[in-house]
PDB file of N, CA and C in Angstrom:
ATOM      1  N   MET A   1      21.330  -2.279   9.966  1.00  0.00           N
ATOM      2  CA  MET A   1      20.190  -2.553   9.088  1.00  0.00           C
ATOM      3  C   MET A   1      20.402  -1.775   7.873  1.00  0.00           C
ATOM      4  N   ASP A   2      20.181  -2.413   6.797  1.00  0.00           N
ATOM      5  CA  ASP A   2      20.349  -1.822   5.433  1.00  0.00           C
ATOM      6  C   ASP A   2      19.132  -0.937   5.141  1.00  0.00           C
ATOM      7  N   ALA A   3      19.378  -0.077   4.052  1.00  0.00           N
ATOM      8  CA  ALA A   3      18.400   0.892   3.796  1.00  0.00           C
ATOM      9  C   ALA A   3      17.136   0.335   3.321  1.00  0.00           C
ATOM     10  N   LYS A   4      17.078  -0.726   2.425  1.00  0.00           N
ATOM     11  CA  LYS A   4      15.911  -1.363   2.050  1.00  0.00           C
ATOM     12  C   LYS A   4      15.132  -1.902   3.188  1.00  0.00           C
ATOM     13  N   ARG A   5      15.616  -2.574   4.000  1.00  0.00           N
ATOM     14  CA  ARG A   5      14.934  -3.153   5.211  1.00  0.00           C
ATOM     15  C   ARG A   5      14.368  -2.012   6.153  1.00  0.00           C
ATOM     16  N   LYS A   6      15.116  -0.944   6.350  1.00  0.00           N
ATOM     17  CA  LYS A   6      14.770   0.146   7.112  1.00  0.00           C
ATOM     18  C   LYS A   6      13.444   0.701   6.446  1.00  0.00           C
ATOM     19  N   LYS A   7      13.487   0.958   5.192  1.00  0.00           N
ATOM     20  CA  LYS A   7      12.293   1.607   4.462  1.00  0.00           C
ATOM     21  C   LYS A   7      11.119   0.717   4.470  1.00  0.00           C
ATOM     22  N   THR A   8      11.374  -0.638   4.253  1.00  0.00           N
ATOM     23  CA  THR A   8      10.304  -1.634   4.333  1.00  0.00           C
ATOM     24  C   THR A   8       9.578  -1.599   5.790  1.00  0.00           C
ATOM     25  N   LEU A   9      10.430  -1.505   6.846  1.00  0.00           N
ATOM     26  CA  LEU A   9       9.803  -1.566   8.094  1.00  0.00           C
ATOM     27  C   LEU A   9       8.950  -0.188   8.384  1.00  0.00           C
ATOM     28  N   ARG A  10       9.453   0.873   7.778  1.00  0.00           N
ATOM     29  CA  ARG A  10       8.761   2.162   7.979  1.00  0.00           C
ATOM     30  C   ARG A  10       7.520   2.008   7.094  1.00  0.00           C
ATOM     31  N   LEU A  11       7.440   1.521   5.976  1.00  0.00           N
ATOM     32  CA  LEU A  11       6.250   1.432   5.250  1.00  0.00           C
ATOM     33  C   LEU A  11       5.179   0.462   5.929  1.00  0.00           C
ATOM     34  N   ILE A  12       5.656  -0.590   6.467  1.00  0.00           N
ATOM     35  CA  ILE A  12       4.786  -1.436   7.207  1.00  0.00           C
ATOM     36  C   ILE A  12       4.166  -0.673   8.369  1.00  0.00           C
ATOM     37  N   TYR A  13       4.910  -0.035   9.144  1.00  0.00           N
ATOM     38  CA  TYR A  13       4.389   0.780  10.205  1.00  0.00           C
ATOM     39  C   TYR A  13       3.302   1.780   9.711  1.00  0.00           C
ATOM     40  N   GLN A  14       3.610   2.479   8.638  1.00  0.00           N
ATOM     41  CA  GLN A  14       2.711   3.456   8.120  1.00  0.00           C
ATOM     42  C   GLN A  14       1.506   2.749   7.626  1.00  0.00           C
ATOM     43  N   SER A  15       1.524   1.572   7.119  1.00  0.00           N
ATOM     44  CA  SER A  15       0.427   0.852   6.614  1.00  0.00           C
ATOM     45  C   SER A  15      -0.587   0.442   7.750  1.00  0.00           C
ATOM     46  N   CYS A  16       0.018   0.089   8.888  1.00  0.00           N
ATOM     47  CA  CYS A  16      -0.654  -0.486   9.986  1.00  0.00           C
ATOM     48  C   CYS A  16      -1.306   0.573  10.888  1.00  0.00           C
ATOM     49  N   TYR A  17      -0.719   1.890  10.789  1.00  0.00           N
ATOM     50  CA  TYR A  17      -1.192   2.924  11.690  1.00  0.00           C
ATOM     51  C   TYR A  17      -1.577   4.228  10.863  1.00  0.00           C
ATOM     52  N   ARG A  18      -2.503   4.100   9.985  1.00  0.00           N
ATOM     53  CA  ARG A  18      -2.850   5.234   9.157  1.00  0.00           C
ATOM     54  C   ARG A  18      -3.731   6.226   9.921  1.00  0.00           C
ATOM     55  N   GLY A  19      -4.539   5.688  10.853  1.00  0.00           N
ATOM     56  CA  GLY A  19      -5.371   6.664  11.617  1.00  0.00           C
ATOM     57  C   GLY A  19      -6.841   6.295  11.219  1.00  0.00           C
ATOM     58  N   VAL A  20      -6.928   5.612  10.272  1.00  0.00           N
ATOM     59  CA  VAL A  20      -8.337   5.181   9.692  1.00  0.00           C
ATOM     60  C   VAL A  20      -8.431   3.686   9.858  1.00  0.00           C
ATOM     61  N   LYS A  21      -9.255   3.122  10.547  1.00  0.00           N
ATOM     62  CA  LYS A  21      -9.245   1.797  10.923  1.00  0.00           C
ATOM     63  C   LYS A  21      -9.467   0.941   9.514  1.00  0.00           C
ATOM     64  N   GLU A  22     -10.295   1.466   8.722  1.00  0.00           N
ATOM     65  CA  GLU A  22     -10.618   0.690   7.446  1.00  0.00           C
ATOM     66  C   GLU A  22      -9.406   0.497   6.644  1.00  0.00           C
ATOM     67  N   LEU A  23      -8.532   1.648   6.597  1.00  0.00           N
ATOM     68  CA  LEU A  23      -7.309   1.458   5.765  1.00  0.00           C
ATOM     69  C   LEU A  23      -6.256   0.557   6.509  1.00  0.00           C
ATOM     70  N   ASP A  24      -6.186   0.613   7.795  1.00  0.00           N
ATOM     71  CA  ASP A  24      -5.357  -0.176   8.578  1.00  0.00           C
ATOM     72  C   ASP A  24      -5.688  -1.632   8.373  1.00  0.00           C
ATOM     73  N   VAL A  25      -6.906  -2.011   8.318  1.00  0.00           N
ATOM     74  CA  VAL A  25      -7.378  -3.400   8.147  1.00  0.00           C
ATOM     75  C   VAL A  25      -7.067  -3.851   6.688  1.00  0.00           C
ATOM     76  N   LEU A  26      -7.101  -3.075   5.692  1.00  0.00           N
ATOM     77  CA  LEU A  26      -6.748  -3.452   4.371  1.00  0.00           C
ATOM     78  C   LEU A  26      -5.204  -3.352   4.126  1.00  0.00           C
ATOM     79  N   LEU A  27      -4.540  -2.529   4.605  1.00  0.00           N
ATOM     80  CA  LEU A  27      -3.153  -2.260   4.345  1.00  0.00           C
ATOM     81  C   LEU A  27      -2.117  -3.100   5.068  1.00  0.00           C
ATOM     82  N   CYS A  28      -2.410  -3.139   6.394  1.00  0.00           N
ATOM     83  CA  CYS A  28      -1.476  -3.857   7.268  1.00  0.00           C
ATOM     84  C   CYS A  28      -1.172  -5.237   6.914  1.00  0.00           C
ATOM     85  N   PRO A  29      -2.123  -6.116   6.741  1.00  0.00           N
ATOM     86  CA  PRO A  29      -1.908  -7.524   6.414  1.00  0.00           C
ATOM     87  C   PRO A  29      -1.129  -7.516   5.082  1.00  0.00           C
ATOM     88  N   PHE A  30      -1.478  -6.862   4.087  1.00  0.00           N
ATOM     89  CA  PHE A  30      -0.786  -6.778   2.890  1.00  0.00           C
ATOM     90  C   PHE A  30       0.741  -6.453   3.011  1.00  0.00           C
ATOM     91  N   ALA A  31       0.899  -5.305   3.748  1.00  0.00           N
ATOM     92  CA  ALA A  31       2.262  -4.803   3.972  1.00  0.00           C
ATOM     93  C   ALA A  31       3.176  -5.933   4.604  1.00  0.00           C
ATOM     94  N   ARG A  32       2.612  -6.444   5.677  1.00  0.00           N
ATOM     95  CA  ARG A  32       3.316  -7.537   6.436  1.00  0.00           C
ATOM     96  C   ARG A  32       3.727  -8.693   5.547  1.00  0.00           C
ATOM     97  N   ALA A  33       2.741  -9.087   4.696  1.00  0.00           N
ATOM     98  CA  ALA A  33       2.901 -10.277   3.854  1.00  0.00           C
ATOM     99  C   ALA A  33       3.761 -10.076   2.674  1.00  0.00           C
ATOM    100  N   GLU A  34       3.773  -8.727   2.085  1.00  0.00           N
ATOM    101  CA  GLU A  34       4.256  -8.614   0.778  1.00  0.00           C
ATOM    102  C   GLU A  34       5.430  -7.701   0.610  1.00  0.00           C
ATOM    103  N   LEU A  35       5.597  -6.683   1.488  1.00  0.00           N
ATOM    104  CA  LEU A  35       6.544  -5.628   1.244  1.00  0.00           C
ATOM    105  C   LEU A  35       8.183  -6.188   1.219  1.00  0.00           C
ATOM    106  N   ALA A  36       8.336  -7.163   2.017  1.00  0.00           N
ATOM    107  CA  ALA A  36       9.737  -7.695   2.050  1.00  0.00           C
ATOM    108  C   ALA A  36      10.114  -8.165   0.756  1.00  0.00           C
ATOM    109  N   GLU A  37       9.203  -8.548  -0.058  1.00  0.00           N
ATOM    110  CA  GLU A  37       9.609  -9.205  -1.346  1.00  0.00           C
ATOM    111  C   GLU A  37       9.579  -8.144  -2.525  1.00  0.00           C
ATOM    112  N   PHE A  38       9.224  -6.879  -2.213  1.00  0.00           N
ATOM    113  CA  PHE A  38       9.190  -5.836  -3.189  1.00  0.00           C
ATOM    114  C   PHE A  38      10.649  -5.362  -3.535  1.00  0.00           C
ATOM    115  N   ASP A  39      10.856  -5.078  -4.856  1.00  0.00           N
ATOM    116  CA  ASP A  39      12.088  -4.423  -5.145  1.00  0.00           C
ATOM    117  C   ASP A  39      12.000  -2.960  -4.918  1.00  0.00           C
ATOM    118  N   ALA A  40      13.176  -2.266  -5.233  1.00  0.00           N
ATOM    119  CA  ALA A  40      13.197  -0.840  -4.822  1.00  0.00           C
ATOM    120  C   ALA A  40      12.096  -0.084  -5.662  1.00  0.00           C
ATOM    121  N   LYS A  41      11.847  -0.420  -6.889  1.00  0.00           N
ATOM    122  CA  LYS A  41      10.877   0.337  -7.689  1.00  0.00           C
ATOM    123  C   LYS A  41       9.506   0.124  -7.173  1.00  0.00           C
ATOM    124  N   THR A  42       9.194  -1.070  -6.707  1.00  0.00           N
ATOM    125  CA  THR A  42       7.816  -1.393  -6.223  1.00  0.00           C
ATOM    126  C   THR A  42       7.685  -0.719  -4.880  1.00  0.00           C
ATOM    127  N   LEU A  43       8.687  -0.715  -4.023  1.00  0.00           N
ATOM    128  CA  LEU A  43       8.708  -0.093  -2.785  1.00  0.00           C
ATOM    129  C   LEU A  43       8.370   1.395  -2.923  1.00  0.00           C
ATOM    130  N   ALA A  44       9.024   2.030  -3.890  1.00  0.00           N
ATOM    131  CA  ALA A  44       8.758   3.436  -4.141  1.00  0.00           C
ATOM    132  C   ALA A  44       7.389   3.745  -4.634  1.00  0.00           C
ATOM    133  N   SER A  45       6.729   2.774  -5.432  1.00  0.00           N
ATOM    134  CA  SER A  45       5.393   2.939  -5.918  1.00  0.00           C
ATOM    135  C   SER A  45       4.512   2.750  -4.743  1.00  0.00           C
ATOM    136  N   TYR A  46       4.761   1.866  -3.736  1.00  0.00           N
ATOM    137  CA  TYR A  46       3.902   1.742  -2.569  1.00  0.00           C
ATOM    138  C   TYR A  46       4.067   2.982  -1.670  1.00  0.00           C
ATOM    139  N   GLU A  47       5.256   3.451  -1.573  1.00  0.00           N
ATOM    140  CA  GLU A  47       5.495   4.709  -0.717  1.00  0.00           C
ATOM    141  C   GLU A  47       4.640   5.874  -1.321  1.00  0.00           C
ATOM    142  N   ASP A  48       4.572   5.987  -2.645  1.00  0.00           N
ATOM    143  CA  ASP A  48       3.775   7.118  -3.240  1.00  0.00           C
ATOM    144  C   ASP A  48       2.242   6.799  -3.003  1.00  0.00           C
ATOM    145  N   LEU A  49       1.891   5.541  -3.093  1.00  0.00           N
ATOM    146  CA  LEU A  49       0.472   5.244  -2.666  1.00  0.00           C
ATOM    147  C   LEU A  49       0.077   5.729  -1.300  1.00  0.00           C
ATOM    148  N   LEU A  50       1.059   5.411  -0.259  1.00  0.00           N
ATOM    149  CA  LEU A  50       0.801   5.820   1.088  1.00  0.00           C
ATOM    150  C   LEU A  50       0.798   7.285   1.206  1.00  0.00           C
ATOM    151  N   ALA A  51       1.471   7.927   0.382  1.00  0.00           N
ATOM    152  CA  ALA A  51       1.545   9.488   0.487  1.00  0.00           C
ATOM    153  C   ALA A  51       0.240  10.112   0.195  1.00  0.00           C
ATOM    154  N   LEU A  52      -0.655   9.405  -0.417  1.00  0.00           N
ATOM    155  CA  LEU A  52      -2.009  10.032  -0.725  1.00  0.00           C
ATOM    156  C   LEU A  52      -2.772  10.258   0.560  1.00  0.00           C
ATOM    157  N   ASP A  53      -3.626  11.189   0.613  1.00  0.00           N
ATOM    158  CA  ASP A  53      -4.453  11.450   1.852  1.00  0.00           C
ATOM    159  C   ASP A  53      -5.443  10.329   2.021  1.00  0.00           C
ATOM    160  N   ASP A  54      -5.890  10.098   3.360  1.00  0.00           N
ATOM    161  CA  ASP A  54      -6.761   8.907   3.725  1.00  0.00           C
ATOM    162  C   ASP A  54      -8.021   8.828   2.845  1.00  0.00           C
ATOM    163  N   THR A  55      -8.735   9.974   2.596  1.00  0.00           N
ATOM    164  CA  THR A  55      -9.922   9.823   1.773  1.00  0.00           C
ATOM    165  C   THR A  55      -9.751   9.398   0.458  1.00  0.00           C
ATOM    166  N   SER A  56      -8.637  10.002  -0.169  1.00  0.00           N
ATOM    167  CA  SER A  56      -8.391   9.534  -1.618  1.00  0.00           C
ATOM    168  C   SER A  56      -7.991   8.166  -1.717  1.00  0.00           C
ATOM    169  N   LEU A  57      -7.084   7.704  -0.666  1.00  0.00           N
ATOM    170  CA  LEU A  57      -6.660   6.292  -0.697  1.00  0.00           C
ATOM    171  C   LEU A  57      -7.877   5.484  -0.486  1.00  0.00           C
ATOM    172  N   TRP A  58      -8.720   5.700   0.445  1.00  0.00           N
ATOM    173  CA  TRP A  58      -9.953   4.875   0.636  1.00  0.00           C
ATOM    174  C   TRP A  58     -10.721   4.795  -0.579  1.00  0.00           C
ATOM    175  N   GLN A  59     -10.996   5.999  -1.295  1.00  0.00           N
ATOM    176  CA  GLN A  59     -11.775   5.909  -2.532  1.00  0.00           C
ATOM    177  C   GLN A  59     -11.216   5.086  -3.662  1.00  0.00           C
ATOM    178  N   ILE A  60      -9.892   5.045  -3.678  1.00  0.00           N
ATOM    179  CA  ILE A  60      -9.209   4.240  -4.685  1.00  0.00           C
ATOM    180  C   ILE A  60      -9.251   2.824  -4.382  1.00  0.00           C
ATOM    181  N   LEU A  61      -8.983   2.415  -3.112  1.00  0.00           N
ATOM    182  CA  LEU A  61      -9.109   1.049  -2.627  1.00  0.00           C
ATOM    183  C   LEU A  61     -10.458   0.506  -2.736  1.00  0.00           C
ATOM    184  N   SER A  62     -11.475   1.232  -2.441  1.00  0.00           N
ATOM    185  CA  SER A  62     -12.826   0.845  -2.486  1.00  0.00           C
ATOM    186  C   SER A  62     -13.415   1.000  -3.940  1.00  0.00           C
ATOM    187  N   ARG A  63     -12.533   1.339  -4.900  1.00  0.00           N
ATOM    188  CA  ARG A  63     -12.882   1.568  -6.249  1.00  0.00           C
ATOM    189  C   ARG A  63     -14.009   2.492  -6.597  1.00  0.00           C
ATOM    190  N   GLN A  64     -14.037   3.480  -5.662  1.00  0.00           N
ATOM    191  CA  GLN A  64     -14.994   4.513  -5.948  1.00  0.00           C
ATOM    192  C   GLN A  64     -14.474   5.493  -7.032  1.00  0.00           C
ATOM    193  N   LYS A  65     -13.175   5.633  -7.112  1.00  0.00           N
ATOM    194  CA  LYS A  65     -12.524   6.637  -8.082  1.00  0.00           C
ATOM    195  C   LYS A  65     -11.194   5.894  -8.492  1.00  0.00           C
ATOM    196  N   PRO A  66     -10.757   6.297  -9.751  1.00  0.00           N
ATOM    197  CA  PRO A  66      -9.496   5.721 -10.163  1.00  0.00           C
ATOM    198  C   PRO A  66      -8.303   6.405  -9.566  1.00  0.00           C
ATOM    199  N   PRO A  67      -7.152   5.682  -9.503  1.00  0.00           N
ATOM    200  CA  PRO A  67      -5.981   6.366  -9.027  1.00  0.00           C
ATOM    201  C   PRO A  67      -5.552   7.496  -9.873  1.00  0.00           C
ATOM    202  N   PRO A  68      -4.816   8.417  -9.235  1.00  0.00           N
ATOM    203  CA  PRO A  68      -4.273   9.555 -10.156  1.00  0.00           C
ATOM    204  C   PRO A  68      -3.189   9.064 -11.270  1.00  0.00           C
ATOM    205  N   GLU A  69      -3.362   9.665 -12.356  1.00  0.00           N
ATOM    206  CA  GLU A  69      -2.587   9.126 -13.520  1.00  0.00           C
ATOM    207  C   GLU A  69      -1.034   9.242 -13.317  1.00  0.00           C
ATOM    208  N   THR A  70      -0.707  10.111 -12.460  1.00  0.00           N
ATOM    209  CA  THR A  70       0.753  10.280 -12.079  1.00  0.00           C
ATOM    210  C   THR A  70       1.285   9.188 -11.092  1.00  0.00           C
ATOM    211  N   LEU A  71       0.346   8.327 -10.665  1.00  0.00           N
ATOM    212  CA  LEU A  71       0.878   7.236  -9.713  1.00  0.00           C
ATOM    213  C   LEU A  71       1.154   5.970 -10.475  1.00  0.00           C
ATOM    214  N   ASN A  72       2.401   5.518 -10.140  1.00  0.00           N
ATOM    215  CA  ASN A  72       2.887   4.329 -10.660  1.00  0.00           C
ATOM    216  C   ASN A  72       2.073   3.189 -10.161  1.00  0.00           C
ATOM    217  N   PRO A  73       1.324   2.395 -11.042  1.00  0.00           N
ATOM    218  CA  PRO A  73       0.262   1.476 -10.560  1.00  0.00           C
ATOM    219  C   PRO A  73       0.836   0.117 -10.071  1.00  0.00           C
ATOM    220  N   THR A  74       2.236   0.039 -10.123  1.00  0.00           N
ATOM    221  CA  THR A  74       2.829  -1.305  -9.766  1.00  0.00           C
ATOM    222  C   THR A  74       2.420  -1.900  -8.417  1.00  0.00           C
ATOM    223  N   ALA A  75       2.548  -1.140  -7.355  1.00  0.00           N
ATOM    224  CA  ALA A  75       2.307  -1.514  -6.042  1.00  0.00           C
ATOM    225  C   ALA A  75       0.703  -1.652  -5.890  1.00  0.00           C
ATOM    226  N   LEU A  76      -0.032  -0.689  -6.522  1.00  0.00           N
ATOM    227  CA  LEU A  76      -1.459  -0.705  -6.377  1.00  0.00           C
ATOM    228  C   LEU A  76      -2.006  -1.910  -6.896  1.00  0.00           C
ATOM    229  N   ASN A  77      -1.463  -2.347  -8.130  1.00  0.00           N
ATOM    230  CA  ASN A  77      -2.049  -3.585  -8.801  1.00  0.00           C
ATOM    231  C   ASN A  77      -1.822  -4.826  -7.847  1.00  0.00           C
ATOM    232  N   ARG A  78      -0.593  -4.823  -7.245  1.00  0.00           N
ATOM    233  CA  ARG A  78      -0.276  -6.028  -6.474  1.00  0.00           C
ATOM    234  C   ARG A  78      -1.265  -5.962  -5.164  1.00  0.00           C
ATOM    235  N   LEU A  79      -1.567  -4.707  -4.624  1.00  0.00           N
ATOM    236  CA  LEU A  79      -2.423  -4.593  -3.524  1.00  0.00           C
ATOM    237  C   LEU A  79      -3.853  -5.061  -3.909  1.00  0.00           C
ATOM    238  N   PHE A  80      -4.292  -4.598  -5.098  1.00  0.00           N
ATOM    239  CA  PHE A  80      -5.705  -5.070  -5.619  1.00  0.00           C
ATOM    240  C   PHE A  80      -5.687  -6.579  -5.758  1.00  0.00           C
ATOM    241  N   ALA A  81      -4.654  -7.210  -6.333  1.00  0.00           N
ATOM    242  CA  ALA A  81      -4.595  -8.742  -6.413  1.00  0.00           C
ATOM    243  C   ALA A  81      -4.648  -9.352  -5.113  1.00  0.00           C
ATOM    244  N   TYR A  82      -3.961  -8.856  -4.143  1.00  0.00           N
ATOM    245  CA  TYR A  82      -3.996  -9.407  -2.751  1.00  0.00           C
ATOM    246  C   TYR A  82      -5.263  -9.265  -2.151  1.00  0.00           C
ATOM    247  N   LEU A  83      -5.806  -8.105  -2.264  1.00  0.00           N
ATOM    248  CA  LEU A  83      -7.269  -7.913  -1.595  1.00  0.00           C
ATOM    249  C   LEU A  83      -8.337  -8.851  -2.358  1.00  0.00           C
ATOM    250  N   ASP A  84      -8.185  -8.797  -3.750  1.00  0.00           N
ATOM    251  CA  ASP A  84      -9.269  -9.678  -4.396  1.00  0.00           C
ATOM    252  C   ASP A  84      -9.040 -11.143  -4.070  1.00  0.00           C
ATOM    253  N   ALA A  85      -7.826 -11.606  -3.855  1.00  0.00           N
ATOM    254  CA  ALA A  85      -7.588 -13.020  -3.404  1.00  0.00           C
ATOM    255  C   ALA A  85      -8.209 -13.330  -1.948  1.00  0.00           C
ATOM    256  N   ARG A  86      -8.084 -12.297  -1.058  1.00  0.00           N
ATOM    257  CA  ARG A  86      -8.594 -12.517   0.257  1.00  0.00           C
ATOM    258  C   ARG A  86     -10.054 -12.344   0.303  1.00  0.00           C
ATOM    259  N   HIS A  87     -10.591 -11.576  -0.552  1.00  0.00           N
ATOM    260  CA  HIS A  87     -12.076 -11.248  -0.523  1.00  0.00           C
ATOM    261  C   HIS A  87     -12.697 -11.398  -1.848  1.00  0.00           C
ATOM    262  N   PRO A  88     -12.845 -12.623  -2.392  1.00  0.00           N
ATOM    263  CA  PRO A  88     -13.347 -12.743  -3.728  1.00  0.00           C
ATOM    264  C   PRO A  88     -14.794 -12.272  -3.924  1.00  0.00           C
TER     265      PRO A  88
END
C-alpha cells in the first residue's frame, strides 16, 4: 500500500471515530466521499483540521467561530462546500 493511500485510510478512520457523534456524522461521509481525490497538500490541510480539539472543530464547523488563521483553509473550504450541498 502506498503512503498516500495509507494516510487517506487513516484520515477516514479518524473522521469516522472522533468520539463526538456530531462530528462523526459530519466528517465521516465527507471523508469517505472526498479524501481519495485529495492531493498531498489538501490531505495535509485536512490532517491539520482533524488535529484540532473536538470543541474547536465543532465550533468551526457549526460556524460559531472562525478557523485559526494558521490553518490552511483548502480542506475546510471543501468540507464547507460538501456540507452546504448536503444541507442547503
